[in-house]
Amino acid sequence: MESAPTSIIDIKDLALVSPGIPRHDDAHSLTVAHGDVITVVTDSPAEGRHLLRILATLDRPVRGEYRFNGKMVDLNDYRECLAVKRQIGYVAPDAAMLSNRTLRENLLISRIYSENDLTIDMDNTMDSLCKGAGLSRMLNRRPSVLSDRELLKAIAIREMCKSPAVMLIDRPENFM
């Protein structure tokens, strides 16, 4: 009988090359287990964001191993990464919404795509989160009319409603 993996994300000997930062060959290793709350502190915000993007399978390291739920992931294989991306919530200033869609459509787009159903509407959880964040009156507006704080809240709601195995949040203090 095979036991469930204890970690969600496990990286070993990861080497980063961050834009605008001189290359160094420091190797990073990190394990994120169920229930963990981890803070990443770096000398450079760009390096910290780059590491978060790698953890979210959005960027590629120079070298290293990446495992998700115990399975090795080839970060150069988009299809393999897509299955992992669906299980990761990523909330950061570089997370985006589609500018030609309403906030409601942006919040639902992951479900519409994965369930192949254009009739999907907001469930009680998403509706409650939007009300709590003060976004209910803005659901039929485009993301461009939202403030940066409102946009970040909307992105967080979209990602939470995916029921991800892990949430990666850049600068969580921005939610205080």
N, C-alpha and C. Protein backbone atom coordinates (compact mmCIF):
# COMPACT_ATOMS: atom_id res chain seq x y z
N MET A 1 0.84 -1.17 0.00
CA MET A 1 0.00 0.00 0.00
C MET A 1 0.90 1.24 0.00
N GLU A 2 0.69 2.11 -0.97
CA GLU A 2 1.50 3.31 -1.12
C GLU A 2 0.89 4.43 -0.29
N SER A 3 1.75 5.13 0.50
CA SER A 3 1.23 6.22 1.33
C SER A 3 1.25 7.53 0.54
N ALA A 4 0.40 8.46 0.96
CA ALA A 4 0.32 9.77 0.30
C ALA A 4 1.59 10.56 0.59
N PRO A 5 2.03 11.37 -0.35
CA PRO A 5 3.23 12.17 -0.12
C PRO A 5 2.99 13.16 1.02
N THR A 6 4.05 13.42 1.80
CA THR A 6 3.91 14.34 2.93
C THR A 6 4.07 15.79 2.49
N SER A 7 4.71 16.02 1.35
CA SER A 7 4.90 17.39 0.90
C SER A 7 4.05 17.68 -0.33
N ILE A 8 3.67 18.95 -0.47
CA ILE A 8 2.96 19.38 -1.67
C ILE A 8 3.99 19.77 -2.72
N ILE A 9 4.90 20.66 -2.33
CA ILE A 9 5.97 21.09 -3.24
C ILE A 9 7.30 20.77 -2.58
N ASP A 10 8.19 20.21 -3.36
CA ASP A 10 9.53 19.89 -2.88
C ASP A 10 10.52 20.28 -3.97
N ILE A 11 11.37 21.25 -3.68
CA ILE A 11 12.41 21.64 -4.65
C ILE A 11 13.77 21.34 -4.05
N LYS A 12 14.67 20.91 -4.90
CA LYS A 12 16.03 20.59 -4.46
C LYS A 12 17.04 21.18 -5.43
N ASP A 13 18.09 21.76 -4.87
CA ASP A 13 19.22 22.29 -5.65
C ASP A 13 18.76 23.23 -6.76
N LEU A 14 17.81 24.09 -6.45
CA LEU A 14 17.27 25.02 -7.43
C LEU A 14 18.19 26.22 -7.58
N ALA A 15 18.59 26.52 -8.81
CA ALA A 15 19.40 27.70 -9.09
C ALA A 15 18.55 28.69 -9.87
N LEU A 16 18.51 29.94 -9.39
CA LEU A 16 17.69 30.99 -9.99
C LEU A 16 18.55 31.96 -10.78
N VAL A 17 18.00 32.48 -11.83
CA VAL A 17 18.57 33.65 -12.50
C VAL A 17 17.42 34.64 -12.59
N SER A 18 17.49 35.66 -11.73
CA SER A 18 16.43 36.66 -11.70
C SER A 18 16.79 37.84 -12.58
N PRO A 19 15.82 38.40 -13.28
CA PRO A 19 16.10 39.56 -14.12
C PRO A 19 16.67 40.71 -13.29
N GLY A 20 17.75 41.31 -13.80
CA GLY A 20 18.36 42.47 -13.14
C GLY A 20 19.21 42.14 -11.94
N ILE A 21 19.41 40.86 -11.64
CA ILE A 21 20.23 40.47 -10.50
C ILE A 21 21.40 39.65 -11.02
N PRO A 22 22.64 39.99 -10.58
CA PRO A 22 23.79 39.21 -11.05
C PRO A 22 23.61 37.73 -10.73
N ARG A 23 24.02 36.91 -11.66
CA ARG A 23 23.85 35.46 -11.49
C ARG A 23 24.74 34.96 -10.36
N HIS A 24 24.18 34.11 -9.57
CA HIS A 24 24.95 33.41 -8.54
C HIS A 24 24.47 31.97 -8.55
N ASP A 25 25.33 31.09 -8.09
CA ASP A 25 25.00 29.67 -8.17
C ASP A 25 24.55 29.10 -6.83
N ASP A 26 23.93 29.95 -6.00
CA ASP A 26 23.38 29.45 -4.76
C ASP A 26 22.27 28.47 -5.08
N ALA A 27 22.30 27.32 -4.44
CA ALA A 27 21.26 26.33 -4.64
C ALA A 27 20.23 26.45 -3.52
N HIS A 28 18.96 26.45 -3.88
CA HIS A 28 17.87 26.56 -2.92
C HIS A 28 17.15 25.22 -2.83
N SER A 29 16.76 24.87 -1.62
CA SER A 29 15.92 23.70 -1.40
C SER A 29 14.80 24.12 -0.47
N LEU A 30 13.63 23.58 -0.71
CA LEU A 30 12.46 23.98 0.07
C LEU A 30 11.42 22.89 -0.02
N THR A 31 10.78 22.63 1.11
CA THR A 31 9.67 21.69 1.14
C THR A 31 8.46 22.41 1.73
N VAL A 32 7.34 22.31 1.03
CA VAL A 32 6.08 22.88 1.50
C VAL A 32 5.14 21.71 1.75
N ALA A 33 4.80 21.49 3.02
CA ALA A 33 3.93 20.38 3.39
C ALA A 33 2.52 20.91 3.66
N HIS A 34 1.56 20.01 3.74
CA HIS A 34 0.17 20.38 4.04
C HIS A 34 0.14 21.15 5.36
N GLY A 35 -0.53 22.29 5.37
CA GLY A 35 -0.68 23.09 6.57
C GLY A 35 0.47 24.05 6.85
N ASP A 36 1.52 24.01 6.06
CA ASP A 36 2.66 24.91 6.29
C ASP A 36 2.32 26.35 5.94
N VAL A 37 2.88 27.26 6.71
CA VAL A 37 2.88 28.68 6.40
C VAL A 37 4.35 29.06 6.38
N ILE A 38 4.82 29.52 5.23
CA ILE A 38 6.25 29.77 5.04
C ILE A 38 6.45 31.21 4.58
N THR A 39 7.47 31.84 5.12
CA THR A 39 7.86 33.16 4.68
C THR A 39 9.18 33.05 3.95
N VAL A 40 9.27 33.67 2.78
CA VAL A 40 10.51 33.70 2.02
C VAL A 40 11.08 35.11 2.14
N VAL A 41 12.29 35.21 2.67
CA VAL A 41 12.96 36.50 2.82
C VAL A 41 14.19 36.48 1.93
N THR A 42 14.31 37.49 1.07
CA THR A 42 15.45 37.57 0.17
C THR A 42 16.04 38.98 0.22
N ASP A 43 17.25 39.11 -0.32
CA ASP A 43 17.88 40.42 -0.42
C ASP A 43 17.20 41.29 -1.46
N SER A 44 16.50 40.65 -2.39
CA SER A 44 15.89 41.37 -3.49
C SER A 44 14.45 40.93 -3.67
N PRO A 45 13.50 41.88 -3.71
CA PRO A 45 12.10 41.51 -3.98
C PRO A 45 11.94 40.77 -5.31
N ALA A 46 12.74 41.14 -6.31
CA ALA A 46 12.66 40.47 -7.62
C ALA A 46 13.03 39.00 -7.50
N GLU A 47 14.02 38.70 -6.69
CA GLU A 47 14.43 37.30 -6.51
C GLU A 47 13.34 36.52 -5.77
N GLY A 48 12.73 37.14 -4.77
CA GLY A 48 11.63 36.49 -4.05
C GLY A 48 10.46 36.20 -4.96
N ARG A 49 10.08 37.16 -5.79
CA ARG A 49 8.97 36.97 -6.72
C ARG A 49 9.32 35.88 -7.75
N HIS A 50 10.57 35.87 -8.21
CA HIS A 50 11.00 34.85 -9.17
C HIS A 50 10.86 33.45 -8.56
N LEU A 51 11.26 33.31 -7.30
CA LEU A 51 11.11 32.02 -6.62
C LEU A 51 9.63 31.64 -6.52
N LEU A 52 8.76 32.58 -6.17
CA LEU A 52 7.32 32.29 -6.12
C LEU A 52 6.81 31.86 -7.49
N ARG A 53 7.26 32.52 -8.54
CA ARG A 53 6.83 32.18 -9.90
C ARG A 53 7.30 30.78 -10.28
N ILE A 54 8.48 30.39 -9.84
CA ILE A 54 8.95 29.02 -10.10
C ILE A 54 8.10 28.03 -9.31
N LEU A 55 7.80 28.33 -8.06
CA LEU A 55 6.96 27.45 -7.26
C LEU A 55 5.58 27.29 -7.90
N ALA A 56 5.10 28.35 -8.56
CA ALA A 56 3.79 28.31 -9.23
C ALA A 56 3.88 27.75 -10.66
N THR A 57 5.03 27.29 -11.05
CA THR A 57 5.35 26.74 -12.39
C THR A 57 5.18 27.76 -13.50
N LEU A 58 5.37 29.04 -13.19
CA LEU A 58 5.26 30.10 -14.19
C LEU A 58 6.62 30.47 -14.79
N ASP A 59 7.70 30.25 -14.05
CA ASP A 59 9.06 30.50 -14.53
C ASP A 59 9.87 29.22 -14.41
N ARG A 60 11.02 29.21 -15.04
CA ARG A 60 11.90 28.04 -15.04
C ARG A 60 13.20 28.35 -14.29
N PRO A 61 13.68 27.42 -13.48
CA PRO A 61 14.99 27.62 -12.86
C PRO A 61 16.10 27.26 -13.85
N VAL A 62 17.33 27.64 -13.51
CA VAL A 62 18.48 27.26 -14.32
C VAL A 62 18.72 25.76 -14.17
N ARG A 63 18.57 25.28 -12.96
CA ARG A 63 18.70 23.84 -12.69
C ARG A 63 17.95 23.52 -11.40
N GLY A 64 17.76 22.25 -11.17
CA GLY A 64 17.12 21.81 -9.93
C GLY A 64 15.97 20.87 -10.19
N GLU A 65 15.47 20.28 -9.13
CA GLU A 65 14.34 19.36 -9.19
C GLU A 65 13.10 20.00 -8.59
N TYR A 66 11.95 19.74 -9.20
CA TYR A 66 10.67 20.24 -8.71
C TYR A 66 9.72 19.06 -8.64
N ARG A 67 9.19 18.81 -7.44
CA ARG A 67 8.20 17.75 -7.25
C ARG A 67 6.92 18.36 -6.71
N PHE A 68 5.80 17.86 -7.22
CA PHE A 68 4.49 18.28 -6.75
C PHE A 68 3.73 17.04 -6.33
N ASN A 69 3.30 17.00 -5.07
CA ASN A 69 2.65 15.81 -4.50
C ASN A 69 3.46 14.55 -4.77
N GLY A 70 4.77 14.67 -4.62
CA GLY A 70 5.67 13.52 -4.75
C GLY A 70 6.08 13.17 -6.17
N LYS A 71 5.50 13.81 -7.16
CA LYS A 71 5.79 13.48 -8.56
C LYS A 71 6.72 14.53 -9.17
N MET A 72 7.78 14.06 -9.83
CA MET A 72 8.71 14.96 -10.51
C MET A 72 7.98 15.68 -11.63
N VAL A 73 8.19 17.01 -11.74
CA VAL A 73 7.55 17.83 -12.76
C VAL A 73 8.63 18.42 -13.66
N ASP A 74 8.47 18.23 -14.96
CA ASP A 74 9.37 18.85 -15.94
C ASP A 74 8.86 20.25 -16.23
N LEU A 75 9.54 21.26 -15.68
CA LEU A 75 9.08 22.64 -15.82
C LEU A 75 9.20 23.17 -17.24
N ASN A 76 9.81 22.41 -18.14
CA ASN A 76 9.89 22.81 -19.55
C ASN A 76 8.74 22.23 -20.38
N ASP A 77 7.90 21.39 -19.76
CA ASP A 77 6.77 20.77 -20.44
C ASP A 77 5.48 21.49 -20.03
N TYR A 78 4.97 22.35 -20.91
CA TYR A 78 3.80 23.18 -20.58
C TYR A 78 2.60 22.33 -20.17
N ARG A 79 2.35 21.25 -20.87
CA ARG A 79 1.18 20.41 -20.55
C ARG A 79 1.30 19.80 -19.16
N GLU A 80 2.50 19.39 -18.82
CA GLU A 80 2.72 18.82 -17.49
C GLU A 80 2.53 19.91 -16.41
N CYS A 81 3.02 21.10 -16.69
CA CYS A 81 2.89 22.23 -15.75
C CYS A 81 1.44 22.67 -15.60
N LEU A 82 0.66 22.59 -16.66
CA LEU A 82 -0.73 23.04 -16.62
C LEU A 82 -1.53 22.27 -15.57
N ALA A 83 -1.30 20.96 -15.48
CA ALA A 83 -2.00 20.15 -14.49
C ALA A 83 -1.62 20.58 -13.07
N VAL A 84 -0.38 21.00 -12.89
CA VAL A 84 0.08 21.47 -11.58
C VAL A 84 -0.46 22.87 -11.30
N LYS A 85 -0.43 23.74 -12.31
CA LYS A 85 -0.91 25.13 -12.15
C LYS A 85 -2.35 25.17 -11.65
N ARG A 86 -3.15 24.24 -12.06
CA ARG A 86 -4.57 24.21 -11.64
C ARG A 86 -4.71 23.95 -10.15
N GLN A 87 -3.65 23.41 -9.53
CA GLN A 87 -3.68 23.07 -8.11
C GLN A 87 -2.94 24.08 -7.24
N ILE A 88 -2.49 25.17 -7.86
CA ILE A 88 -1.73 26.19 -7.14
C ILE A 88 -2.44 27.53 -7.26
N GLY A 89 -2.67 28.18 -6.14
CA GLY A 89 -3.19 29.54 -6.14
C GLY A 89 -2.01 30.50 -6.12
N TYR A 90 -1.98 31.45 -7.04
CA TYR A 90 -0.88 32.42 -7.13
C TYR A 90 -1.46 33.82 -7.09
N VAL A 91 -1.13 34.56 -6.03
CA VAL A 91 -1.64 35.91 -5.84
C VAL A 91 -0.44 36.85 -5.76
N ALA A 92 -0.29 37.67 -6.78
CA ALA A 92 0.84 38.60 -6.85
C ALA A 92 0.48 39.73 -7.80
N PRO A 93 1.21 40.83 -7.72
CA PRO A 93 0.91 41.95 -8.63
C PRO A 93 1.00 41.58 -10.11
N ASP A 94 1.79 40.56 -10.45
CA ASP A 94 1.91 40.18 -11.85
C ASP A 94 0.86 39.15 -12.28
N ALA A 95 -0.01 38.72 -11.35
CA ALA A 95 -1.14 37.87 -11.73
C ALA A 95 -2.13 38.77 -12.45
N ALA A 96 -2.77 38.26 -13.48
CA ALA A 96 -3.56 39.14 -14.34
C ALA A 96 -5.02 38.71 -14.45
N MET A 97 -5.80 39.65 -14.92
CA MET A 97 -7.18 39.41 -15.31
C MET A 97 -7.28 39.81 -16.78
N LEU A 98 -8.21 39.22 -17.49
CA LEU A 98 -8.41 39.56 -18.90
C LEU A 98 -9.14 40.90 -18.99
N SER A 99 -8.53 41.84 -19.69
CA SER A 99 -9.08 43.21 -19.73
C SER A 99 -10.37 43.32 -20.53
N ASN A 100 -10.62 42.39 -21.44
CA ASN A 100 -11.83 42.48 -22.27
C ASN A 100 -12.99 41.64 -21.71
N ARG A 101 -12.88 41.23 -20.46
CA ARG A 101 -13.93 40.46 -19.78
C ARG A 101 -14.31 41.17 -18.49
N THR A 102 -15.53 40.94 -18.02
CA THR A 102 -15.95 41.53 -16.75
C THR A 102 -15.26 40.82 -15.60
N LEU A 103 -15.35 41.42 -14.43
CA LEU A 103 -14.79 40.80 -13.24
C LEU A 103 -15.45 39.43 -13.01
N ARG A 104 -16.76 39.36 -13.17
CA ARG A 104 -17.49 38.09 -13.00
C ARG A 104 -16.92 37.02 -13.96
N GLU A 105 -16.75 37.38 -15.22
CA GLU A 105 -16.21 36.42 -16.20
C GLU A 105 -14.79 36.00 -15.83
N ASN A 106 -13.99 36.94 -15.36
CA ASN A 106 -12.63 36.62 -14.94
C ASN A 106 -12.61 35.65 -13.76
N LEU A 107 -13.53 35.85 -12.83
CA LEU A 107 -13.59 34.97 -11.66
C LEU A 107 -14.03 33.56 -12.05
N LEU A 108 -14.83 33.45 -13.09
CA LEU A 108 -15.37 32.15 -13.49
C LEU A 108 -14.58 31.45 -14.59
N ILE A 109 -13.63 32.12 -15.20
CA ILE A 109 -13.00 31.60 -16.42
C ILE A 109 -12.30 30.26 -16.24
N SER A 110 -11.68 30.03 -15.09
CA SER A 110 -11.02 28.74 -14.85
C SER A 110 -12.02 27.60 -14.87
N ARG A 111 -13.15 27.81 -14.19
CA ARG A 111 -14.19 26.77 -14.15
C ARG A 111 -14.82 26.57 -15.53
N ILE A 112 -15.09 27.68 -16.21
CA ILE A 112 -15.69 27.57 -17.55
C ILE A 112 -14.79 26.75 -18.46
N TYR A 113 -13.49 27.01 -18.38
CA TYR A 113 -12.53 26.30 -19.23
C TYR A 113 -12.44 24.83 -18.83
N SER A 114 -12.23 24.56 -17.54
CA SER A 114 -12.01 23.17 -17.12
C SER A 114 -13.27 22.32 -17.21
N GLU A 115 -14.45 22.93 -17.01
CA GLU A 115 -15.70 22.17 -17.07
C GLU A 115 -16.36 22.24 -18.44
N ASN A 116 -15.80 23.08 -19.34
CA ASN A 116 -16.30 23.23 -20.69
C ASN A 116 -17.81 23.51 -20.69
N ASP A 117 -18.18 24.53 -19.88
CA ASP A 117 -19.59 24.86 -19.72
C ASP A 117 -19.73 26.37 -19.61
N LEU A 118 -20.34 27.00 -20.60
CA LEU A 118 -20.50 28.46 -20.62
C LEU A 118 -21.64 28.95 -19.74
N THR A 119 -22.43 28.04 -19.18
CA THR A 119 -23.58 28.45 -18.36
C THR A 119 -23.25 28.54 -16.87
N ILE A 120 -22.02 28.27 -16.49
CA ILE A 120 -21.62 28.30 -15.08
C ILE A 120 -21.81 29.70 -14.51
N ASP A 121 -22.31 29.76 -13.27
CA ASP A 121 -22.42 31.05 -12.57
C ASP A 121 -21.72 30.91 -11.22
N MET A 122 -21.63 32.01 -10.52
CA MET A 122 -20.93 32.03 -9.24
C MET A 122 -21.63 31.14 -8.22
N ASP A 123 -20.84 30.37 -7.47
CA ASP A 123 -21.41 29.55 -6.41
C ASP A 123 -21.47 30.38 -5.13
N ASN A 124 -22.04 29.80 -4.07
CA ASN A 124 -22.22 30.52 -2.80
C ASN A 124 -20.89 30.98 -2.20
N THR A 125 -19.85 30.16 -2.32
CA THR A 125 -18.55 30.52 -1.76
C THR A 125 -18.00 31.76 -2.44
N MET A 126 -17.99 31.76 -3.77
CA MET A 126 -17.46 32.90 -4.51
C MET A 126 -18.30 34.15 -4.25
N ASP A 127 -19.61 33.98 -4.23
CA ASP A 127 -20.50 35.12 -3.97
C ASP A 127 -20.22 35.70 -2.58
N SER A 128 -20.06 34.85 -1.59
CA SER A 128 -19.79 35.29 -0.22
C SER A 128 -18.43 36.00 -0.13
N LEU A 129 -17.43 35.47 -0.80
CA LEU A 129 -16.10 36.10 -0.79
C LEU A 129 -16.16 37.47 -1.46
N CYS A 130 -16.89 37.58 -2.55
CA CYS A 130 -17.02 38.88 -3.23
C CYS A 130 -17.73 39.89 -2.35
N LYS A 131 -18.78 39.46 -1.66
CA LYS A 131 -19.48 40.36 -0.74
C LYS A 131 -18.55 40.81 0.38
N GLY A 132 -17.83 39.85 0.97
CA GLY A 132 -16.91 40.17 2.07
C GLY A 132 -15.79 41.11 1.66
N ALA A 133 -15.37 41.04 0.41
CA ALA A 133 -14.30 41.89 -0.11
C ALA A 133 -14.82 43.21 -0.66
N GLY A 134 -16.14 43.38 -0.66
CA GLY A 134 -16.73 44.61 -1.17
C GLY A 134 -16.70 44.71 -2.69
N LEU A 135 -16.70 43.57 -3.38
CA LEU A 135 -16.60 43.57 -4.84
C LEU A 135 -17.93 43.26 -5.54
N SER A 136 -18.97 42.95 -4.81
CA SER A 136 -20.24 42.53 -5.43
C SER A 136 -20.77 43.56 -6.42
N ARG A 137 -20.68 44.82 -6.10
CA ARG A 137 -21.24 45.86 -6.99
C ARG A 137 -20.38 46.08 -8.23
N MET A 138 -19.22 45.45 -8.28
CA MET A 138 -18.30 45.66 -9.41
C MET A 138 -18.22 44.46 -10.36
N LEU A 139 -19.00 43.44 -10.13
CA LEU A 139 -18.89 42.20 -10.89
C LEU A 139 -19.12 42.35 -12.38
N ASN A 140 -19.90 43.35 -12.79
CA ASN A 140 -20.17 43.54 -14.22
C ASN A 140 -19.27 44.60 -14.86
N ARG A 141 -18.26 45.01 -14.14
CA ARG A 141 -17.30 45.99 -14.66
C ARG A 141 -16.02 45.30 -15.11
N ARG A 142 -15.26 46.00 -15.93
CA ARG A 142 -13.97 45.49 -16.41
C ARG A 142 -12.89 45.71 -15.34
N PRO A 143 -11.86 44.87 -15.32
CA PRO A 143 -10.79 45.02 -14.32
C PRO A 143 -10.11 46.39 -14.33
N SER A 144 -10.10 47.07 -15.45
CA SER A 144 -9.40 48.35 -15.56
C SER A 144 -9.99 49.43 -14.65
N VAL A 145 -11.24 49.28 -14.21
CA VAL A 145 -11.84 50.29 -13.33
C VAL A 145 -11.61 49.99 -11.85
N LEU A 146 -11.01 48.85 -11.55
CA LEU A 146 -10.74 48.48 -10.17
C LEU A 146 -9.45 49.15 -9.69
N SER A 147 -9.41 49.47 -8.41
CA SER A 147 -8.16 49.95 -7.82
C SER A 147 -7.19 48.76 -7.72
N ASP A 148 -5.92 49.04 -7.48
CA ASP A 148 -4.94 47.95 -7.33
C ASP A 148 -5.33 47.02 -6.19
N ARG A 149 -5.80 47.57 -5.11
CA ARG A 149 -6.21 46.76 -3.94
C ARG A 149 -7.42 45.88 -4.30
N GLU A 150 -8.40 46.45 -5.00
CA GLU A 150 -9.58 45.67 -5.41
C GLU A 150 -9.18 44.57 -6.38
N LEU A 151 -8.29 44.87 -7.29
CA LEU A 151 -7.83 43.87 -8.25
C LEU A 151 -7.12 42.73 -7.55
N LEU A 152 -6.28 43.04 -6.56
CA LEU A 152 -5.59 42.01 -5.80
C LEU A 152 -6.58 41.15 -5.03
N LYS A 153 -7.61 41.76 -4.46
CA LYS A 153 -8.66 40.99 -3.78
C LYS A 153 -9.36 40.05 -4.76
N ALA A 154 -9.67 40.56 -5.94
CA ALA A 154 -10.36 39.74 -6.95
C ALA A 154 -9.50 38.55 -7.37
N ILE A 155 -8.21 38.80 -7.56
CA ILE A 155 -7.29 37.71 -7.93
C ILE A 155 -7.23 36.67 -6.82
N ALA A 156 -7.18 37.14 -5.56
CA ALA A 156 -7.15 36.20 -4.44
C ALA A 156 -8.42 35.36 -4.40
N ILE A 157 -9.58 35.98 -4.64
CA ILE A 157 -10.84 35.23 -4.66
C ILE A 157 -10.83 34.20 -5.78
N ARG A 158 -10.40 34.61 -6.97
CA ARG A 158 -10.34 33.67 -8.10
C ARG A 158 -9.47 32.46 -7.75
N GLU A 159 -8.32 32.73 -7.15
CA GLU A 159 -7.39 31.64 -6.83
C GLU A 159 -7.92 30.76 -5.69
N MET A 160 -8.53 31.36 -4.67
CA MET A 160 -9.09 30.56 -3.57
C MET A 160 -10.20 29.65 -4.05
N CYS A 161 -11.00 30.13 -5.00
CA CYS A 161 -12.13 29.34 -5.49
C CYS A 161 -11.69 28.16 -6.36
N LYS A 162 -10.42 28.11 -6.73
CA LYS A 162 -9.90 26.93 -7.43
C LYS A 162 -9.71 25.77 -6.47
N SER A 163 -9.85 26.03 -5.15
CA SER A 163 -9.56 25.04 -4.10
C SER A 163 -8.17 24.46 -4.29
N PRO A 164 -7.16 25.33 -4.31
CA PRO A 164 -5.80 24.87 -4.58
C PRO A 164 -5.22 24.05 -3.44
N ALA A 165 -4.25 23.23 -3.77
CA ALA A 165 -3.52 22.47 -2.75
C ALA A 165 -2.60 23.40 -1.96
N VAL A 166 -2.16 24.48 -2.61
CA VAL A 166 -1.27 25.45 -1.96
C VAL A 166 -1.57 26.84 -2.50
N MET A 167 -1.45 27.85 -1.62
CA MET A 167 -1.61 29.25 -2.02
C MET A 167 -0.25 29.93 -1.89
N LEU A 168 0.19 30.57 -2.96
CA LEU A 168 1.42 31.35 -2.96
C LEU A 168 1.03 32.82 -3.04
N ILE A 169 1.38 33.59 -2.02
CA ILE A 169 0.95 34.98 -1.94
C ILE A 169 2.18 35.87 -1.79
N ASP A 170 2.36 36.76 -2.75
CA ASP A 170 3.43 37.74 -2.70
C ASP A 170 2.96 38.90 -1.83
N ARG A 171 3.71 39.20 -0.81
CA ARG A 171 3.42 40.31 0.12
C ARG A 171 2.02 40.22 0.72
N PRO A 172 1.78 39.19 1.51
CA PRO A 172 0.45 39.02 2.13
C PRO A 172 0.08 40.19 3.04
N GLU A 173 1.06 40.96 3.49
CA GLU A 173 0.75 42.11 4.34
C GLU A 173 -0.09 43.14 3.59
N ASN A 174 -0.13 43.08 2.26
CA ASN A 174 -0.97 43.99 1.48
C ASN A 174 -2.46 43.74 1.70
N PHE A 175 -2.80 42.63 2.34
CA PHE A 175 -4.21 42.30 2.59
C PHE A 175 -4.67 42.77 3.95
N MET A 176 -3.80 43.36 4.72
CA MET A 176 -4.13 43.83 6.08
C MET A 176 -4.89 45.13 6.02
